[in-house]
C-alpha atoms as a PDB file:
ATOM      1  CA  MET A   1      51.099 266.464 211.052  1.00  0.00           C
ATOM      2  CA  GLU A   2      48.289 267.468 213.397  1.00  0.00           C
ATOM      3  CA  GLN A   3      49.727 271.003 213.516  1.00  0.00           C
ATOM      4  CA  VAL A   4      49.329 271.576 209.751  1.00  0.00           C
ATOM      5  CA  THR A   5      46.618 274.143 209.061  1.00  0.00           C
ATOM      6  CA  ALA A   6      47.284 274.910 205.395  1.00  0.00           C
ATOM      7  CA  VAL A   7      48.956 273.489 202.294  1.00  0.00           C
ATOM      8  CA  ILE A   8      50.191 275.655 199.430  1.00  0.00           C
ATOM      9  CA  PHE A   9      50.644 273.868 196.117  1.00  0.00           C
ATOM     10  CA  ASP A  10      52.621 274.796 193.066  1.00  0.00           C
ATOM     11  CA  TRP A  11      50.671 274.057 189.875  1.00  0.00           C
ATOM     12  CA  ASP A  12      52.783 273.175 186.827  1.00  0.00           C
ATOM     13  CA  GLU A  13      54.390 269.738 187.184  1.00  0.00           C
ATOM     14  CA  THR A  14      53.077 269.543 190.751  1.00  0.00           C
ATOM     15  CA  LEU A  15      49.280 269.287 190.805  1.00  0.00           C
ATOM     16  CA  ALA A  16      49.091 269.390 187.014  1.00  0.00           C
ATOM     17  CA  GLN A  17      51.137 267.913 184.191  1.00  0.00           C
ATOM     18  CA  THR A  18      51.398 270.794 181.745  1.00  0.00           C
ATOM     19  CA  ARG A  19      54.867 270.384 180.258  1.00  0.00           C
ATOM     20  CA  PRO A  20      53.680 268.798 176.976  1.00  0.00           C
ATOM     21  CA  VAL A  21      51.351 271.765 176.432  1.00  0.00           C
ATOM     22  CA  VAL A  22      54.029 274.302 177.359  1.00  0.00           C
ATOM     23  CA  VAL A  23      56.600 272.700 175.056  1.00  0.00           C
ATOM     24  CA  ARG A  24      54.211 272.503 172.103  1.00  0.00           C
ATOM     25  CA  VAL A  25      53.213 276.160 172.465  1.00  0.00           C
ATOM     26  CA  ILE A  26      56.720 277.505 173.085  1.00  0.00           C
ATOM     27  CA  GLU A  27      57.950 275.543 170.048  1.00  0.00           C
ATOM     28  CA  GLU A  28      55.333 277.339 167.981  1.00  0.00           C
ATOM     29  CA  VAL A  29      56.518 280.735 169.260  1.00  0.00           C
ATOM     30  CA  LEU A  30      60.181 279.851 168.700  1.00  0.00           C
ATOM     31  CA  SER A  31      59.372 278.809 165.165  1.00  0.00           C
ATOM     32  CA  LYS A  32      57.714 282.162 164.533  1.00  0.00           C
ATOM     33  CA  TYR A  33      60.915 283.936 165.580  1.00  0.00           C
ATOM     34  CA  LYS A  34      63.146 281.381 163.803  1.00  0.00           C
ATOM     35  CA  LEU A  35      65.061 280.576 166.991  1.00  0.00           C
ATOM     36  CA  GLY A  36      65.410 276.801 166.793  1.00  0.00           C
ATOM     37  CA  ASP A  37      63.829 274.057 168.860  1.00  0.00           C
ATOM     38  CA  TRP A  38      63.033 274.109 172.584  1.00  0.00           C
ATOM     39  CA  GLU A  39      65.636 271.483 173.510  1.00  0.00           C
ATOM     40  CA  THR A  40      68.348 273.830 172.263  1.00  0.00           C
ATOM     41  CA  VAL A  41      66.895 277.132 173.449  1.00  0.00           C
ATOM     42  CA  LYS A  42      66.008 275.944 176.963  1.00  0.00           C
ATOM     43  CA  LYS A  43      69.711 275.646 177.775  1.00  0.00           C
ATOM     44  CA  LYS A  44      69.608 279.420 178.255  1.00  0.00           C
ATOM     45  CA  ARG A  45      67.085 279.025 181.061  1.00  0.00           C
ATOM     46  CA  ASP A  46      67.858 280.442 184.500  1.00  0.00           C
ATOM     47  CA  PRO A  47      66.278 277.929 186.946  1.00  0.00           C
ATOM     48  CA  MET A  48      65.797 280.602 189.595  1.00  0.00           C
ATOM     49  CA  LYS A  49      63.714 282.805 187.296  1.00  0.00           C
ATOM     50  CA  SER A  50      60.069 282.346 186.380  1.00  0.00           C
ATOM     51  CA  PHE A  51      59.088 281.059 182.947  1.00  0.00           C
ATOM     52  CA  LYS A  52      58.019 284.572 181.922  1.00  0.00           C
ATOM     53  CA  ASN A  53      61.208 286.218 183.177  1.00  0.00           C
ATOM     54  CA  ASN A  54      63.266 283.750 181.160  1.00  0.00           C
ATOM     55  CA  PHE A  55      61.792 285.033 177.901  1.00  0.00           C
ATOM     56  CA  SER A  56      64.467 287.719 177.757  1.00  0.00           C
ATOM     57  CA  ASN A  57      67.044 284.904 177.723  1.00  0.00           C
ATOM     58  CA  TYR A  58      65.257 283.229 174.815  1.00  0.00           C
ATOM     59  CA  PHE A  59      63.939 286.136 172.733  1.00  0.00           C
ATOM     60  CA  GLY A  60      66.107 289.101 173.697  1.00  0.00           C
ATOM     61  CA  GLU A  61      64.540 292.415 172.687  1.00  0.00           C
ATOM     62  CA  TYR A  62      61.410 290.614 171.470  1.00  0.00           C
ATOM     63  CA  ALA A  63      60.720 289.021 174.864  1.00  0.00           C
ATOM     64  CA  GLU A  64      57.566 290.971 175.714  1.00  0.00           C
ATOM     65  CA  GLU A  65      56.063 290.518 172.259  1.00  0.00           C
ATOM     66  CA  ALA A  66      56.930 286.805 172.247  1.00  0.00           C
ATOM     67  CA  TYR A  67      55.423 286.281 175.672  1.00  0.00           C
ATOM     68  CA  THR A  68      52.145 287.905 174.592  1.00  0.00           C
ATOM     69  CA  CYS A  69      52.113 285.556 171.618  1.00  0.00           C
ATOM     70  CA  TYR A  70      52.764 282.588 173.925  1.00  0.00           C
ATOM     71  CA  VAL A  71      49.871 283.509 176.251  1.00  0.00           C
ATOM     72  CA  ASP A  72      47.495 283.956 173.317  1.00  0.00           C
ATOM     73  CA  LEU A  73      48.367 280.517 171.967  1.00  0.00           C
ATOM     74  CA  TYR A  74      48.307 278.817 175.367  1.00  0.00           C
ATOM     75  CA  ARG A  75      44.868 280.235 176.167  1.00  0.00           C
ATOM     76  CA  ASN A  76      43.405 277.881 173.567  1.00  0.00           C
ATOM     77  CA  ALA A  77      45.360 274.913 174.884  1.00  0.00           C
ATOM     78  CA  CYS A  78      44.458 275.001 178.606  1.00  0.00           C
ATOM     79  CA  HIS A  79      42.105 272.056 178.143  1.00  0.00           C
ATOM     80  CA  GLU A  80      45.087 269.841 177.282  1.00  0.00           C
ATOM     81  CA  ALA A  81      46.549 269.972 180.808  1.00  0.00           C
ATOM     82  CA  LYS A  82      46.209 266.781 182.877  1.00  0.00           C
ATOM     83  CA  LEU A  83      46.178 266.164 186.616  1.00  0.00           C
ATOM     84  CA  SER A  84      49.262 264.607 188.167  1.00  0.00           C
ATOM     85  CA  ASP A  85      48.813 261.101 189.507  1.00  0.00           C
ATOM     86  CA  GLY A  86      47.250 261.340 192.962  1.00  0.00           C
ATOM     87  CA  ALA A  87      46.532 265.078 192.762  1.00  0.00           C
ATOM     88  CA  GLU A  88      42.765 264.639 192.861  1.00  0.00           C
ATOM     89  CA  GLU A  89      43.014 262.248 195.807  1.00  0.00           C
ATOM     90  CA  ILE A  90      45.345 264.392 197.939  1.00  0.00           C
ATOM     91  CA  THR A  91      43.334 267.586 197.446  1.00  0.00           C
ATOM     92  CA  ALA A  92      40.078 265.768 198.248  1.00  0.00           C
ATOM     93  CA  PHE A  93      41.744 264.237 201.322  1.00  0.00           C
ATOM     94  CA  LEU A  94      42.923 267.626 202.584  1.00  0.00           C
ATOM     95  CA  GLN A  95      39.516 269.162 201.951  1.00  0.00           C
ATOM     96  CA  GLN A  96      37.884 266.385 203.954  1.00  0.00           C
ATOM     97  CA  LYS A  97      40.335 267.101 206.780  1.00  0.00           C
ATOM     98  CA  ASN A  98      39.393 270.819 206.653  1.00  0.00           C
ATOM     99  CA  ILE A  99      42.977 271.775 205.869  1.00  0.00           C
ATOM    100  CA  ARG A 100      42.991 274.985 203.852  1.00  0.00           C
ATOM    101  CA  GLN A 101      44.480 274.735 200.390  1.00  0.00           C
ATOM    102  CA  PHE A 102      46.102 277.378 198.199  1.00  0.00           C
ATOM    103  CA  ILE A 103      47.850 277.508 194.843  1.00  0.00           C
ATOM    104  CA  VAL A 104      50.871 279.724 194.196  1.00  0.00           C
ATOM    105  CA  SER A 105      52.253 279.640 190.672  1.00  0.00           C
ATOM    106  CA  ASN A 106      54.351 281.729 188.311  1.00  0.00           C
ATOM    107  CA  LYS A 107      51.844 280.982 185.538  1.00  0.00           C
ATOM    108  CA  GLU A 108      49.714 283.775 184.111  1.00  0.00           C
ATOM    109  CA  THR A 109      46.790 284.154 186.510  1.00  0.00           C
ATOM    110  CA  GLU A 110      44.173 283.872 183.768  1.00  0.00           C
ATOM    111  CA  LEU A 111      45.624 280.622 182.411  1.00  0.00           C
ATOM    112  CA  LEU A 112      46.198 279.218 185.893  1.00  0.00           C
ATOM    113  CA  LYS A 113      42.628 279.753 187.059  1.00  0.00           C
ATOM    114  CA  LYS A 114      41.257 278.335 183.834  1.00  0.00           C
ATOM    115  CA  GLU A 115      43.231 275.113 184.263  1.00  0.00           C
ATOM    116  CA  VAL A 116      42.390 274.790 187.952  1.00  0.00           C
ATOM    117  CA  THR A 117      38.682 275.205 187.205  1.00  0.00           C
ATOM    118  CA  ASN A 118      38.882 272.595 184.444  1.00  0.00           C
ATOM    119  CA  LEU A 119      40.803 270.003 186.436  1.00  0.00           C
ATOM    120  CA  LEU A 120      39.794 270.433 190.095  1.00  0.00           C
ATOM    121  CA  PRO A 121      36.306 271.983 190.073  1.00  0.00           C
ATOM    122  CA  GLU A 122      35.300 270.302 193.346  1.00  0.00           C
ATOM    123  CA  ILE A 123      38.208 271.627 195.417  1.00  0.00           C
ATOM    124  CA  ASN A 124      37.692 274.845 197.355  1.00  0.00           C
ATOM    125  CA  PHE A 125      41.063 276.558 197.123  1.00  0.00           C
ATOM    126  CA  VAL A 126      41.091 279.554 199.455  1.00  0.00           C
ATOM    127  CA  ASN A 127      43.248 281.586 197.072  1.00  0.00           C
ATOM    128  CA  ILE A 128      44.836 280.974 193.678  1.00  0.00           C
ATOM    129  CA  ILE A 129      47.767 283.322 193.116  1.00  0.00           C
ATOM    130  CA  GLY A 130      49.440 283.633 189.724  1.00  0.00           C
ATOM    131  CA  ALA A 131      52.094 285.689 188.012  1.00  0.00           C
ATOM    132  CA  ASN A 132      49.991 288.833 187.750  1.00  0.00           C
ATOM    133  CA  ASP A 133      49.059 289.120 191.415  1.00  0.00           C
ATOM    134  CA  CYS A 134      52.355 290.402 192.862  1.00  0.00           C
ATOM    135  CA  LYS A 135      55.254 292.517 191.662  1.00  0.00           C
ATOM    136  CA  ARG A 136      57.652 289.686 192.507  1.00  0.00           C
ATOM    137  CA  ASN A 137      57.001 286.003 191.863  1.00  0.00           C
ATOM    138  CA  LYS A 138      58.641 282.839 193.181  1.00  0.00           C
ATOM    139  CA  PRO A 139      61.275 282.345 194.512  1.00  0.00           C
ATOM    140  CA  TYR A 140      60.390 285.542 196.395  1.00  0.00           C
ATOM    141  CA  PRO A 141      57.820 285.027 199.174  1.00  0.00           C
ATOM    142  CA  ASP A 142      55.397 287.767 198.066  1.00  0.00           C
ATOM    143  CA  GLN A 143      52.860 285.421 196.461  1.00  0.00           C
ATOM    144  CA  VAL A 144      52.665 283.265 199.588  1.00  0.00           C
ATOM    145  CA  PHE A 145      51.973 286.284 201.758  1.00  0.00           C
ATOM    146  CA  LYS A 146      49.383 287.472 199.248  1.00  0.00           C
ATOM    147  CA  ALA A 147      47.682 284.064 199.276  1.00  0.00           C
ATOM    148  CA  LEU A 148      47.424 284.065 203.067  1.00  0.00           C
ATOM    149  CA  GLU A 149      46.146 287.644 203.408  1.00  0.00           C
ATOM    150  CA  ASN A 150      42.933 287.907 205.421  1.00  0.00           C
ATOM    151  CA  THR A 151      42.733 284.126 205.920  1.00  0.00           C
ATOM    152  CA  GLU A 152      43.707 283.924 209.588  1.00  0.00           C
ATOM    153  CA  VAL A 153      46.466 281.490 208.565  1.00  0.00           C
ATOM    154  CA  ASN A 154      49.734 282.555 210.151  1.00  0.00           C
ATOM    155  CA  ILE A 155      52.949 280.759 209.275  1.00  0.00           C
ATOM    156  CA  ASP A 156      54.351 279.358 212.498  1.00  0.00           C
ATOM    157  CA  ASN A 157      56.461 276.287 213.246  1.00  0.00           C
ATOM    158  CA  ASP A 158      55.848 274.230 210.080  1.00  0.00           C
ATOM    159  CA  ASN A 159      52.058 274.609 210.200  1.00  0.00           C
ATOM    160  CA  VAL A 160      51.993 275.614 206.510  1.00  0.00           C
ATOM    161  CA  LEU A 161      53.415 273.256 203.885  1.00  0.00           C
ATOM    162  CA  PHE A 162      54.634 274.427 200.496  1.00  0.00           C
ATOM    163  CA  VAL A 163      54.481 271.535 198.027  1.00  0.00           C
ATOM    164  CA  GLY A 164      56.292 271.918 194.715  1.00  0.00           C
ATOM    165  CA  ASP A 165      58.751 270.398 192.272  1.00  0.00           C
ATOM    166  CA  SER A 166      61.480 272.967 191.694  1.00  0.00           C
ATOM    167  CA  MET A 167      64.273 274.975 193.288  1.00  0.00           C
ATOM    168  CA  GLN A 168      62.058 278.052 193.001  1.00  0.00           C
ATOM    169  CA  ASP A 169      59.395 276.341 195.107  1.00  0.00           C
ATOM    170  CA  VAL A 170      61.876 275.280 197.774  1.00  0.00           C
ATOM    171  CA  GLU A 171      63.447 278.734 197.992  1.00  0.00           C
ATOM    172  CA  CYS A 172      59.996 280.339 198.134  1.00  0.00           C
ATOM    173  CA  ALA A 173      59.055 278.021 200.993  1.00  0.00           C
ATOM    174  CA  TYR A 174      62.180 278.955 202.936  1.00  0.00           C
ATOM    175  CA  ALA A 175      61.773 282.672 202.227  1.00  0.00           C
ATOM    176  CA  SER A 176      58.180 282.659 203.480  1.00  0.00           C
ATOM    177  CA  GLY A 177      58.767 280.392 206.475  1.00  0.00           C
ATOM    178  CA  CYS A 178      56.808 277.404 205.156  1.00  0.00           C
ATOM    179  CA  LYS A 179      57.890 273.782 205.376  1.00  0.00           C
ATOM    180  CA  ALA A 180      59.248 272.745 201.970  1.00  0.00           C
ATOM    181  CA  ILE A 181      58.129 269.483 200.368  1.00  0.00           C
ATOM    182  CA  VAL A 182      59.159 268.253 196.921  1.00  0.00           C
ATOM    183  CA  VAL A 183      56.887 265.694 195.261  1.00  0.00           C
ATOM    184  CA  GLY A 184      57.871 263.606 192.261  1.00  0.00           C
ATOM    185  CA  ASP A 185      60.966 263.196 190.138  1.00  0.00           C
ATOM    186  CA  SER A 186      61.821 266.412 188.359  1.00  0.00           C
ATOM    187  CA  ASP A 187      64.669 267.394 186.067  1.00  0.00           C
ATOM    188  CA  LEU A 188      64.178 270.968 187.304  1.00  0.00           C
ATOM    189  CA  ILE A 189      65.744 270.272 190.672  1.00  0.00           C
ATOM    190  CA  SER A 190      69.124 268.584 191.052  1.00  0.00           C
ATOM    191  CA  GLN A 191      69.962 265.944 193.607  1.00  0.00           C
ATOM    192  CA  SER A 192      72.927 268.036 194.733  1.00  0.00           C
ATOM    193  CA  TYR A 193      70.565 270.901 195.479  1.00  0.00           C
ATOM    194  CA  ILE A 194      68.193 268.592 197.372  1.00  0.00           C
ATOM    195  CA  GLY A 195      71.115 267.178 199.307  1.00  0.00           C
ATOM    196  CA  SER A 196      72.144 270.626 200.490  1.00  0.00           C
ATOM    197  CA  LYS A 197      68.749 271.271 202.100  1.00  0.00           C
ATOM    198  CA  LYS A 198      68.703 269.370 205.388  1.00  0.00           C
ATOM    199  CA  ASP A 199      65.152 270.342 206.305  1.00  0.00           C
ATOM    200  CA  LEU A 200      63.671 269.470 202.895  1.00  0.00           C
ATOM    201  CA  THR A 201      61.231 266.558 202.618  1.00  0.00           C
ATOM    202  CA  VAL A 202      61.279 264.710 199.283  1.00  0.00           C
ATOM    203  CA  LEU A 203      58.412 262.349 198.417  1.00  0.00           C
ATOM    204  CA  ALA A 204      57.894 260.178 195.356  1.00  0.00           C
ATOM    205  CA  SER A 205      54.193 260.878 194.878  1.00  0.00           C
ATOM    206  CA  PHE A 206      51.058 262.439 196.306  1.00  0.00           C
ATOM    207  CA  TYR A 207      50.144 259.046 197.710  1.00  0.00           C
ATOM    208  CA  ASP A 208      53.271 259.308 199.859  1.00  0.00           C
ATOM    209  CA  LEU A 209      52.164 262.781 200.900  1.00  0.00           C
ATOM    210  CA  GLN A 210      48.838 261.374 202.079  1.00  0.00           C
ATOM    211  CA  GLU A 211      50.702 258.733 204.082  1.00  0.00           C
ATOM    212  CA  TYR A 212      52.855 261.545 205.465  1.00  0.00           C
ATOM    213  CA  PHE A 213      49.717 263.074 206.935  1.00  0.00           C
ATOM    214  CA  ASN A 214      48.545 259.757 208.323  1.00  0.00           C
ATOM    215  CA  LYS A 215      51.720 259.187 210.362  1.00  0.00           C
END
């Protein structure tokens, strides 16, 4: 791992546990539009689309209006997000090693930066790129390239890791030329999908990721 110069992290369900907040807020929006509960509606989700882009699957012609409502409600709930186990330790470890750190997420940029500031105020992320920073979001590589602009970090021979929890993250890593790493058990990424990716590293926790660096 001596060749690694940068690590790009996904945010939701990777560095931060935000699903309880997301579910509570989306349930409130669904209730407003009388569309049933999240467990039923989420079956319409396209796993290769961002959360925002899936709103058309959930709300149809009211997607844009519903998403604005969701953001307004979530803005007041950012403080409820929690760090994933080991997230504080791995980011502090990488900072101590002078390995540059970035965040690339499909979350609204405003909400993303608010949560990052609340939860990891001591970590100097070089760039934090959210859903509003590029025309195309994950799984396209645009956000990665945007994050690395003017940083002197060039993707070459697995020197940049992309750490996430979903198929979108893995595909984004491949599309941008990063080394893909999945951390944690996630119901967003199937074992059959993982099994089809021969050059994908799957780790149980961030503590395993730290050991990965120490090898």
